[in-house]
Amino acid sequence: MKKVAKIAISLGKDTLMAVEKERKIRGENRSEFFRQAVEKFLKKERESSAIKDYIRGYREMPESTEEIEAMHRIGSAVLAGEPWE
């Protein structure tokens, strides 16, 4: 089993009631519910950060006109060889 750490968190009554309702519907205990919620949040944050890095890089170094024209020529050549019917 992976090494685990126990934590304590404070929630407002309404939030706790919403968590309890949702976890019961899913058939999960509290630990599993919060573990999955945190893992989803962290994954979303990593993906968001990667997208922001990509956009920043693209803005700093966009394709040149020559590169765009070359991609159009290559794409047109590839698509021309496809059996469209």
Protein backbone atom coordinates (compact mmCIF):
# COMPACT_ATOMS: atom_id res chain seq x y z
CA MET A 1 0.00 0.00 0.00
CA LYS A 2 1.19 3.52 -0.76
CA LYS A 3 2.31 5.63 2.16
CA VAL A 4 -0.53 7.91 3.18
CA ALA A 5 -0.93 10.92 5.43
CA LYS A 6 -4.05 11.87 7.30
CA ILE A 7 -5.18 15.48 7.23
CA ALA A 8 -7.96 17.47 8.82
CA ILE A 9 -9.93 20.12 6.96
CA SER A 10 -12.65 22.53 7.96
CA LEU A 11 -15.77 22.88 5.84
CA GLY A 12 -18.84 25.00 6.16
CA LYS A 13 -22.03 23.15 7.03
CA ASP A 14 -23.54 23.60 3.55
CA THR A 15 -20.37 22.35 1.85
CA LEU A 16 -20.19 19.33 4.14
CA MET A 17 -23.83 18.50 3.46
CA ALA A 18 -23.22 18.72 -0.30
CA VAL A 19 -20.14 16.47 0.01
CA GLU A 20 -22.03 13.93 2.08
CA LYS A 21 -24.89 13.83 -0.42
CA GLU A 22 -22.58 13.41 -3.41
CA ARG A 23 -20.29 10.81 -1.86
CA LYS A 24 -23.26 8.72 -0.75
CA ILE A 25 -24.66 8.80 -4.29
CA ARG A 26 -21.28 7.61 -5.56
CA GLY A 27 -20.91 5.02 -2.82
CA GLU A 28 -17.58 6.47 -1.66
CA ASN A 29 -16.17 7.17 1.75
CA ARG A 30 -14.94 10.68 2.56
CA SER A 31 -11.29 9.85 2.02
CA GLU A 32 -11.95 8.49 -1.46
CA PHE A 33 -14.19 11.42 -2.36
CA PHE A 34 -11.61 14.03 -1.35
CA ARG A 35 -8.69 12.07 -2.83
CA GLN A 36 -10.42 11.95 -6.22
CA ALA A 37 -11.44 15.61 -6.00
CA VAL A 38 -7.88 16.72 -5.24
CA GLU A 39 -6.39 14.50 -7.98
CA LYS A 40 -8.83 15.92 -10.55
CA PHE A 41 -8.06 19.47 -9.44
CA LEU A 42 -4.29 18.93 -9.66
CA LYS A 43 -4.58 17.30 -13.09
CA LYS A 44 -6.67 20.22 -14.34
CA GLU A 45 -4.11 22.70 -12.98
CA ARG A 46 -1.21 20.85 -14.71
CA GLU A 47 -3.10 20.79 -18.00
CA SER A 48 -3.99 24.47 -17.69
CA SER A 49 -0.37 25.34 -16.97
CA ALA A 50 0.82 23.33 -20.00
CA ILE A 51 -1.68 25.11 -22.25
CA LYS A 52 -0.59 28.51 -20.94
CA ASP A 53 3.07 27.57 -21.58
CA TYR A 54 2.23 26.48 -25.13
CA ILE A 55 0.35 29.72 -25.85
CA ARG A 56 3.12 31.85 -24.37
CA GLY A 57 5.72 30.00 -26.46
CA TYR A 58 3.66 30.36 -29.61
CA ARG A 59 3.22 34.09 -29.02
CA GLU A 60 6.95 34.50 -28.44
CA MET A 61 7.88 32.48 -31.53
CA PRO A 62 4.99 32.11 -34.02
CA GLU A 63 5.43 30.41 -37.38
CA SER A 64 6.90 32.43 -40.17
CA THR A 65 4.99 33.07 -43.38
CA GLU A 66 7.32 30.58 -45.11
CA GLU A 67 6.55 27.88 -42.54
CA ILE A 68 2.81 28.42 -42.89
CA GLU A 69 3.00 28.22 -46.68
CA ALA A 70 5.12 25.04 -46.46
CA MET A 71 2.53 23.42 -44.15
CA HIS A 72 -0.26 24.32 -46.57
CA ARG A 73 1.66 22.75 -49.47
CA ILE A 74 2.40 19.59 -47.49
CA GLY A 75 -1.16 19.33 -46.20
CA SER A 76 -2.60 19.82 -49.67
CA ALA A 77 -0.29 17.14 -51.08
CA VAL A 78 -1.22 14.66 -48.33
CA LEU A 79 -4.95 15.30 -48.66
CA ALA A 80 -4.79 15.05 -52.46
CA GLY A 81 -3.64 11.45 -52.07
CA GLU A 82 -6.61 10.45 -49.91
CA PRO A 83 -9.47 8.41 -51.38
CA TRP A 84 -12.35 10.80 -50.71
CA GLU A 85 -15.09 8.73 -52.25
